[in-house]
Every structure is written in structure tokens, then in C-alpha cells.
Amino acid sequence: MTNDFRERIRNYQNSGDRLVIDEILYGTTFDFMNDPTRQHQIEGNALKVRIDLPRHEYYISYRIRVLRDFALQEYIGVPRGAEYEDFCYYITALKYEYGIDFGAEVIKHNEELEFYRLTAALFEKIDSKRDEILENVYDHHFSGFYRGYHNFRDKITSQESAAVVATEQVDKNIVQALERALSYVDTTKSEREIVRYVNSAFSTKFGELELERKGMKRIYRVNGQDKTVKLFVKKHFPANLYGAILPGIKERHLDELSKQQVEFIQQAHDIILADRKVQDLTNYSCRANGAALIKRDYLAEKLEKSPESVRKMLSRIKKRVTN
């Protein structure tokens, strides 16, 4: 097993063999939380989690699973509060007092009511039984039930739609971060050191990609004491989209440019406008205040020009506007 682990990583580094990646991603499907070897231990003032796994790959899987679950937590949470409890009360009442069962998943219960997982499928089932509810349910239950229905239906449907998109993006970020970590790990190290490095490198890269997914960006700037500081900013399209081409440029500056330069700026502006409509900031860096700046290589690709010609054009435009 020991040599196999190292060999699989070397095969990926040398020939792109993805077997080690497949093994690690397969391990993320395990139910680590209920693993019988998982236990908490106190080391000094820190609470540590210990777990015994049969393969080195699965210690990397464990780290990935923890970070993935945390990243998606906001999309799979169960509603809480009085309104949620009231809605569960009415679902329980319809189930046991009227015999109208929606087949909702019970996630916990007490002596008085059951608590249900609210899903889009549940609300579709409620819709299918609307006539039965209208005919049989008394007013005091009917009004409360549909108050909860209208309160949660759109929220849950939107949450599930967002979860589909987020899950796809998070899983893509996991693969990208894992590929990077495995590409740089030194396979002459011990298995423990390899796992430690991969977990650390993965966590760092995955964190950066998750910030990007949420529209945040980690940037480094030199402060007044000539020290490099790390900042987290919310990347966004500026109100003045010309500023996403060159900082400081505005529409009035077009009068100072040549015909060719104006055409270039307007084409770039149209590209940025299209990206803003779908809030796609993938191909943008940003300033210290988070204002987006289009990446030169991306702009060159969209304009079907060489990156060098785009950089020269922007340099000439900058000199003309600032002089």
C-alpha cells in the first residue's frame, strides 16, 4: 500500500494518470462522521479529531469532505424558528388527523410533532393534493398550513436551485485544488509528510477558489509602513465600466483618443457589459477596493488579438488620457 500511494502520485505527475485523484474523490463519499475509529482528543488547549483509515488517500479524502460540507452548509441547512415549527405542526396535523400524508422526511420528533425536511419535492406533493386539502381540512388548520406553505415554498425552491449551481462549482474547485496539490508534492517524503503537504496545499488553494466563487478575492498590498498586508475584498463591477478597462478612464476621455483607440475601448466596454449582465467575474482581477479589472489575456482572446498588442494599445491609451 505504501509504495502504491507514492507510485500513483508519481504517475499523475509524470503522465497525468488520474487514478490517485479518482481514489481520493471516491473516498469523499464515505461516512467519516460515523466511522467507529473517529474520536476527539485534547492536546494542550486544542481539541483534535483522530481517525484511523485504511489508505493514505483517504486522509486526504477526509479533509476534502470536511471542507466540501462546510462550503455547502448554507444550501442544505434545515429551517429553524417558530415559523418552521408551526409549519411542521400543521403538516403533522394533516398527516394524523386528516390522513393526508405528503411523504415528508422526518428528521426528528418529540411527543407533540414531527420535524420535516422541507424540499421542492414536498411542495410539489402538497400542490398535487390541493383539492383533497380544500375539501377536508378545517379552517383553523387550513389557514395556518397555507401560511407556512407560502412562507417557505419559494425559499426552499430557490435554495435548492442555488445548491445545484453551488455544488457544481464547489466540486470543480475541489478537483482543481487537488490537482495543484498533487502536482507539487515531493514523493520522496514519507507518506505522512505527503498527506500533510497535500492537505495543506489543497486547503489553501480551495480557500482561494471559494473566495472567487463568492465574489471575494485575496489580494496583497504594501501599507504605509512598507509591509505587505493581505486583504479580502468583494470583487464587483464598478458603476463606471470604463474603469474596468483602465483605472481612472471615463466616457469623457474618449474625446481625447484616436478613432482606432475609441473603437478598441468600446469593444472592451461591450465585453465587460455582457459579463456584468450575468455577473461573471471569472476573467477579472480587482483593485484594492474590489473594483473589477478585465484581464489582458482574456480581453485579447475576446478581441481575437495578441496579448502583446492589447497591452501596447492600453499603454498608449493610458499615456494619452493621463498626460
Protein backbone atom coordinates (compact mmCIF):
# COMPACT_ATOMS: atom_id res chain seq x y z
CA MET A 1 0.00 0.00 0.00
CA THR A 2 2.82 2.41 0.89
CA ASN A 3 4.64 2.19 -2.43
CA ASP A 4 1.33 2.15 -4.29
CA PHE A 5 0.37 5.53 -2.83
CA ARG A 6 3.60 7.19 -3.87
CA GLU A 7 3.60 5.49 -7.26
CA ARG A 8 0.11 6.72 -8.07
CA ILE A 9 1.11 10.29 -7.30
CA ARG A 10 4.25 9.97 -9.43
CA ASN A 11 2.17 8.55 -12.26
CA TYR A 12 -0.08 11.59 -12.09
CA GLN A 13 2.88 13.98 -12.04
CA ASN A 14 4.69 12.27 -14.89
CA SER A 15 1.93 11.10 -17.23
CA GLY A 16 -1.34 12.59 -15.99
CA ASP A 17 -2.66 9.22 -14.76
CA ARG A 18 -5.69 10.24 -12.66
CA LEU A 19 -6.06 7.03 -10.66
CA VAL A 20 -4.90 8.67 -7.43
CA ILE A 21 -7.40 11.51 -7.93
CA ASP A 22 -10.19 9.01 -8.56
CA GLU A 23 -9.28 7.13 -5.37
CA ILE A 24 -9.25 10.30 -3.28
CA LEU A 25 -12.57 11.54 -4.68
CA TYR A 26 -14.11 8.10 -4.14
CA GLY A 27 -13.06 8.34 -0.50
CA THR A 28 -15.03 11.58 -0.08
CA THR A 29 -18.25 9.54 -0.37
CA PHE A 30 -17.52 7.70 2.92
CA ASP A 31 -19.48 8.47 6.10
CA PHE A 32 -16.49 9.67 8.11
CA MET A 33 -18.64 11.24 10.86
CA ASN A 34 -19.90 7.79 11.90
CA ASP A 35 -16.59 5.98 11.49
CA PRO A 36 -16.08 3.88 14.66
CA THR A 37 -12.42 4.96 14.91
CA ARG A 38 -13.26 8.68 14.91
CA GLN A 39 -12.70 10.29 18.30
CA HIS A 40 -11.87 13.61 19.90
CA GLN A 41 -8.67 14.07 21.86
CA ILE A 42 -7.43 17.05 23.85
CA GLU A 43 -3.86 18.10 23.10
CA GLY A 44 -2.86 21.02 25.28
CA ASN A 45 -5.61 23.59 24.85
CA ALA A 46 -6.70 22.23 21.46
CA LEU A 47 -9.40 19.68 20.66
CA LYS A 48 -8.16 17.31 17.94
CA VAL A 49 -10.04 14.75 15.85
CA ARG A 50 -8.38 11.36 15.39
CA ILE A 51 -9.46 8.74 12.87
CA ASP A 52 -7.85 5.51 11.60
CA LEU A 53 -8.28 4.94 7.86
CA PRO A 54 -7.10 2.00 5.70
CA ARG A 55 -5.42 4.05 2.94
CA HIS A 56 -3.29 7.18 2.88
CA GLU A 57 -5.52 8.60 0.14
CA TYR A 58 -8.49 8.59 2.49
CA TYR A 59 -6.86 11.03 4.92
CA ILE A 60 -6.88 13.48 2.03
CA SER A 61 -10.48 12.45 1.25
CA TYR A 62 -11.41 13.22 4.85
CA ARG A 63 -10.03 16.77 4.65
CA ILE A 64 -11.80 17.36 1.34
CA ARG A 65 -15.12 16.05 2.70
CA VAL A 66 -14.96 18.36 5.73
CA LEU A 67 -14.26 21.43 3.59
CA ARG A 68 -16.87 20.47 0.99
CA ASP A 69 -19.59 20.01 3.60
CA PHE A 70 -18.70 23.35 5.16
CA ALA A 71 -18.77 25.11 1.76
CA LEU A 72 -22.26 23.75 1.01
CA GLN A 73 -23.65 24.10 4.53
CA GLU A 74 -25.69 27.22 3.76
CA TYR A 75 -27.53 25.41 0.95
CA ILE A 76 -28.58 22.31 2.88
CA GLY A 77 -29.47 23.74 6.26
CA VAL A 78 -32.78 22.95 7.93
CA PRO A 79 -35.01 25.98 8.68
CA ARG A 80 -35.38 26.89 12.33
CA GLY A 81 -37.57 29.11 14.44
CA ALA A 82 -41.23 29.45 15.36
CA GLU A 83 -42.49 29.69 11.76
CA TYR A 84 -40.78 26.43 10.84
CA GLU A 85 -42.14 24.67 13.93
CA ASP A 86 -45.66 25.96 13.17
CA PHE A 87 -45.48 24.64 9.61
CA CYS A 88 -44.30 21.25 10.87
CA TYR A 89 -47.20 21.26 13.33
CA TYR A 90 -49.70 21.68 10.50
CA ILE A 91 -48.02 19.04 8.33
CA THR A 92 -48.20 16.69 11.32
CA ALA A 93 -51.87 17.57 11.89
CA LEU A 94 -52.79 16.88 8.27
CA LYS A 95 -50.93 13.59 8.40
CA TYR A 96 -52.50 12.18 11.58
CA GLU A 97 -55.82 14.00 11.91
CA TYR A 98 -56.86 14.05 8.25
CA GLY A 99 -54.87 11.17 6.78
CA ILE A 100 -53.19 13.45 4.24
CA ASP A 101 -49.59 12.26 4.11
CA PHE A 102 -47.09 14.06 1.88
CA GLY A 103 -44.35 11.51 2.49
CA ALA A 104 -42.10 14.19 4.00
CA GLU A 105 -38.83 13.01 5.54
CA VAL A 106 -38.92 13.16 9.34
CA ILE A 107 -35.57 14.41 10.65
CA LYS A 108 -36.54 14.46 14.35
CA HIS A 109 -39.64 14.35 16.52
CA ASN A 110 -40.96 14.84 20.02
CA GLU A 111 -44.17 13.85 21.77
CA GLU A 112 -46.20 16.58 20.06
CA LEU A 113 -44.99 16.83 16.48
CA GLU A 114 -42.59 15.70 13.82
CA PHE A 115 -39.97 17.95 12.24
CA TYR A 116 -39.67 17.58 8.47
CA ARG A 117 -37.05 18.25 5.83
CA LEU A 118 -38.52 20.88 3.54
CA THR A 119 -37.78 20.19 -0.13
CA ALA A 120 -39.10 21.28 -3.51
CA ALA A 121 -40.46 17.74 -3.94
CA LEU A 122 -42.51 18.14 -0.75
CA PHE A 123 -44.15 21.30 -2.05
CA GLU A 124 -44.89 19.61 -5.38
CA LYS A 125 -46.63 16.84 -3.42
CA ILE A 126 -48.64 19.43 -1.50
CA ASP A 127 -49.68 21.01 -4.81
CA SER A 128 -50.86 17.61 -6.08
CA LYS A 129 -53.10 17.19 -3.01
CA ARG A 130 -54.56 20.69 -3.07
CA ASP A 131 -58.13 19.56 -3.86
CA GLU A 132 -58.04 16.98 -1.10
CA ILE A 133 -56.86 19.63 1.37
CA LEU A 134 -59.56 22.11 0.31
CA GLU A 135 -62.30 19.52 0.74
CA ASN A 136 -61.26 18.03 4.08
CA VAL A 137 -59.17 20.37 6.22
CA TYR A 138 -60.94 22.67 8.72
CA ASP A 139 -60.34 26.41 8.54
CA HIS A 140 -58.21 26.66 11.68
CA HIS A 141 -55.76 24.15 10.24
CA PHE A 142 -56.15 25.22 6.62
CA SER A 143 -55.14 28.88 7.11
CA GLY A 144 -52.11 28.04 9.25
CA PHE A 145 -50.96 25.33 6.88
CA TYR A 146 -51.06 27.56 3.81
CA ARG A 147 -49.44 30.43 5.67
CA GLY A 148 -46.44 28.17 6.20
CA TYR A 149 -46.68 26.86 2.64
CA HIS A 150 -46.44 30.35 1.14
CA ASN A 151 -43.73 31.38 3.59
CA PHE A 152 -41.36 28.51 2.75
CA ARG A 153 -42.15 27.37 -0.80
CA ASP A 154 -40.20 29.98 -2.75
CA LYS A 155 -37.36 29.99 -0.21
CA ILE A 156 -36.83 26.25 -0.44
CA THR A 157 -37.15 26.15 -4.24
CA SER A 158 -34.60 28.96 -4.60
CA GLN A 159 -32.31 27.31 -2.08
CA GLU A 160 -32.32 24.01 -3.98
CA SER A 161 -31.68 25.76 -7.30
CA ALA A 162 -28.76 27.65 -5.78
CA ALA A 163 -27.47 24.41 -4.25
CA VAL A 164 -27.28 22.72 -7.67
CA VAL A 165 -25.16 25.54 -9.07
CA ALA A 166 -23.02 25.83 -5.94
CA THR A 167 -22.38 22.07 -5.76
CA GLU A 168 -21.16 22.01 -9.35
CA GLN A 169 -18.83 24.95 -8.72
CA VAL A 170 -17.54 23.60 -5.40
CA ASP A 171 -16.80 20.18 -6.90
CA LYS A 172 -14.96 21.83 -9.77
CA ASN A 173 -12.88 23.82 -7.27
CA ILE A 174 -12.10 20.63 -5.33
CA VAL A 175 -10.66 18.93 -8.40
CA GLN A 176 -8.64 21.99 -9.38
CA ALA A 177 -7.18 22.40 -5.88
CA LEU A 178 -6.40 18.68 -5.60
CA GLU A 179 -4.68 18.63 -8.98
CA ARG A 180 -2.46 21.51 -7.94
CA ALA A 181 -1.55 19.97 -4.59
CA LEU A 182 -0.65 16.60 -6.11
CA SER A 183 1.38 18.25 -8.87
CA TYR A 184 3.80 19.86 -6.41
CA VAL A 185 4.12 17.31 -3.60
CA ASP A 186 7.55 15.71 -3.15
CA THR A 187 7.05 11.94 -3.43
CA THR A 188 10.43 11.23 -1.80
CA LYS A 189 8.92 12.32 1.52
CA SER A 190 7.23 9.94 3.93
CA GLU A 191 3.56 9.07 3.43
CA ARG A 192 2.62 11.13 6.49
CA GLU A 193 4.52 14.15 5.15
CA ILE A 194 2.91 13.72 1.73
CA VAL A 195 -0.58 13.66 3.23
CA ARG A 196 0.21 16.68 5.41
CA TYR A 197 1.53 18.67 2.44
CA VAL A 198 -1.35 17.75 0.12
CA ASN A 199 -3.94 18.60 2.78
CA SER A 200 -2.31 21.95 3.48
CA ALA A 201 -1.81 22.87 -0.20
CA PHE A 202 -5.33 21.74 -1.05
CA SER A 203 -6.88 23.78 1.76
CA THR A 204 -5.03 26.93 0.69
CA LYS A 205 -5.94 26.65 -3.00
CA PHE A 206 -9.51 25.56 -2.32
CA GLY A 207 -9.95 28.51 0.02
CA GLU A 208 -8.78 30.90 -2.70
CA LEU A 209 -11.13 29.35 -5.27
CA GLU A 210 -14.04 29.52 -2.83
CA LEU A 211 -13.38 33.19 -2.24
CA GLU A 212 -13.52 33.67 -6.01
CA ARG A 213 -16.79 31.71 -6.19
CA LYS A 214 -18.31 34.03 -3.60
CA GLY A 215 -17.04 37.10 -5.40
CA MET A 216 -14.26 37.65 -2.85
CA LYS A 217 -10.58 37.93 -3.64
CA ARG A 218 -7.44 37.75 -1.56
CA ILE A 219 -5.02 40.48 -2.59
CA TYR A 220 -1.70 41.70 -1.23
CA ARG A 221 -0.80 45.37 -0.92
CA VAL A 222 2.05 47.35 0.65
CA ASN A 223 0.82 49.52 3.52
CA GLY A 224 2.19 52.82 4.82
CA GLN A 225 4.91 51.02 6.78
CA ASP A 226 6.19 49.30 3.61
CA LYS A 227 4.82 45.97 4.84
CA THR A 228 2.91 43.59 2.61
CA VAL A 229 -0.56 43.00 4.03
CA LYS A 230 -3.28 40.55 3.00
CA LEU A 231 -6.73 41.95 2.19
CA PHE A 232 -10.03 40.26 1.43
CA VAL A 233 -12.23 42.32 -0.85
CA LYS A 234 -15.61 41.82 -2.52
CA LYS A 235 -14.92 41.82 -6.23
CA HIS A 236 -17.57 43.72 -8.19
CA PHE A 237 -18.18 45.53 -11.42
CA PRO A 238 -17.70 49.27 -10.93
CA ALA A 239 -20.52 51.68 -11.81
CA ASN A 240 -18.19 53.16 -14.43
CA LEU A 241 -17.42 50.13 -16.63
CA TYR A 242 -14.71 52.04 -18.50
CA GLY A 243 -12.77 51.86 -15.23
CA ALA A 244 -12.75 48.07 -15.59
CA ILE A 245 -10.60 48.56 -18.70
CA LEU A 246 -8.17 51.10 -17.24
CA PRO A 247 -8.45 52.62 -13.74
CA GLY A 248 -9.45 56.27 -13.92
CA ILE A 249 -10.71 56.29 -17.51
CA LYS A 250 -14.21 57.65 -18.09
CA GLU A 251 -16.50 58.09 -21.06
CA ARG A 252 -15.49 61.75 -21.44
CA HIS A 253 -11.90 60.66 -22.11
CA LEU A 254 -12.98 59.11 -25.42
CA ASP A 255 -12.81 62.59 -26.96
CA GLU A 256 -9.06 62.57 -26.34
CA LEU A 257 -8.44 59.29 -28.18
CA SER A 258 -7.90 58.36 -31.80
CA LYS A 259 -10.64 56.66 -33.81
CA GLN A 260 -8.86 53.30 -33.52
CA GLN A 261 -8.46 53.71 -29.76
CA VAL A 262 -12.11 54.65 -29.28
CA GLU A 263 -13.18 51.57 -31.25
CA PHE A 264 -10.92 49.42 -29.04
CA ILE A 265 -12.35 50.89 -25.81
CA GLN A 266 -15.95 50.49 -26.97
CA GLN A 267 -15.37 46.84 -27.91
CA ALA A 268 -13.82 46.19 -24.50
CA HIS A 269 -16.73 48.01 -22.83
CA ASP A 270 -19.23 45.79 -24.64
CA ILE A 271 -17.42 42.65 -23.42
CA ILE A 272 -17.48 43.89 -19.82
CA LEU A 273 -21.14 44.89 -20.12
CA ALA A 274 -22.05 41.39 -21.29
CA ASP A 275 -20.14 39.83 -18.37
CA ARG A 276 -21.82 42.18 -15.89
CA LYS A 277 -25.27 41.12 -17.07
CA VAL A 278 -24.54 37.55 -15.94
CA GLN A 279 -22.27 38.66 -13.06
CA ASP A 280 -19.36 36.61 -14.42
CA LEU A 281 -16.20 37.89 -12.72
CA THR A 282 -14.09 34.85 -13.61
CA ASN A 283 -11.80 36.71 -16.00
CA TYR A 284 -11.25 39.80 -13.86
CA SER A 285 -8.69 40.82 -11.29
CA CYS A 286 -9.52 43.68 -8.97
CA ARG A 287 -8.22 46.80 -7.28
CA ALA A 288 -7.79 47.25 -3.52
CA ASN A 289 -11.42 48.42 -3.25
CA GLY A 290 -12.68 45.31 -5.09
CA ALA A 291 -13.46 47.12 -8.37
CA ALA A 292 -13.01 44.64 -11.24
CA LEU A 293 -10.29 44.96 -13.89
CA ILE A 294 -10.54 42.88 -17.04
CA LYS A 295 -7.59 40.52 -17.52
CA ARG A 296 -5.46 41.40 -20.52
CA ASP A 297 -5.20 37.85 -21.87
CA TYR A 298 -8.98 37.43 -21.66
CA LEU A 299 -9.55 40.74 -23.45
CA ALA A 300 -7.10 39.71 -26.15
CA GLU A 301 -8.88 36.40 -26.62
CA LYS A 302 -12.29 38.05 -26.90
CA LEU A 303 -10.99 40.65 -29.39
CA GLU A 304 -9.04 38.00 -31.32
CA LYS A 305 -5.82 39.96 -30.89
CA SER A 306 -2.45 39.06 -29.43
CA PRO A 307 -1.94 39.81 -25.70
CA GLU A 308 1.07 41.93 -26.59
CA SER A 309 -0.93 44.15 -29.00
CA VAL A 310 -3.63 44.62 -26.34
CA ARG A 311 -1.07 45.62 -23.71
CA LYS A 312 0.54 48.11 -26.10
CA MET A 313 -2.83 49.62 -27.02
CA LEU A 314 -3.79 50.04 -23.37
CA SER A 315 -0.41 51.59 -22.60
CA ARG A 316 -0.85 54.16 -25.40
CA ILE A 317 -4.38 54.96 -24.26
CA LYS A 318 -3.24 55.38 -20.65
CA LYS A 319 -0.49 57.84 -21.67
CA ARG A 320 -2.92 59.83 -23.81
CA VAL A 321 -5.53 60.10 -21.07
CA THR A 322 -3.19 60.87 -18.16
CA ASN A 323 -0.96 63.40 -19.94
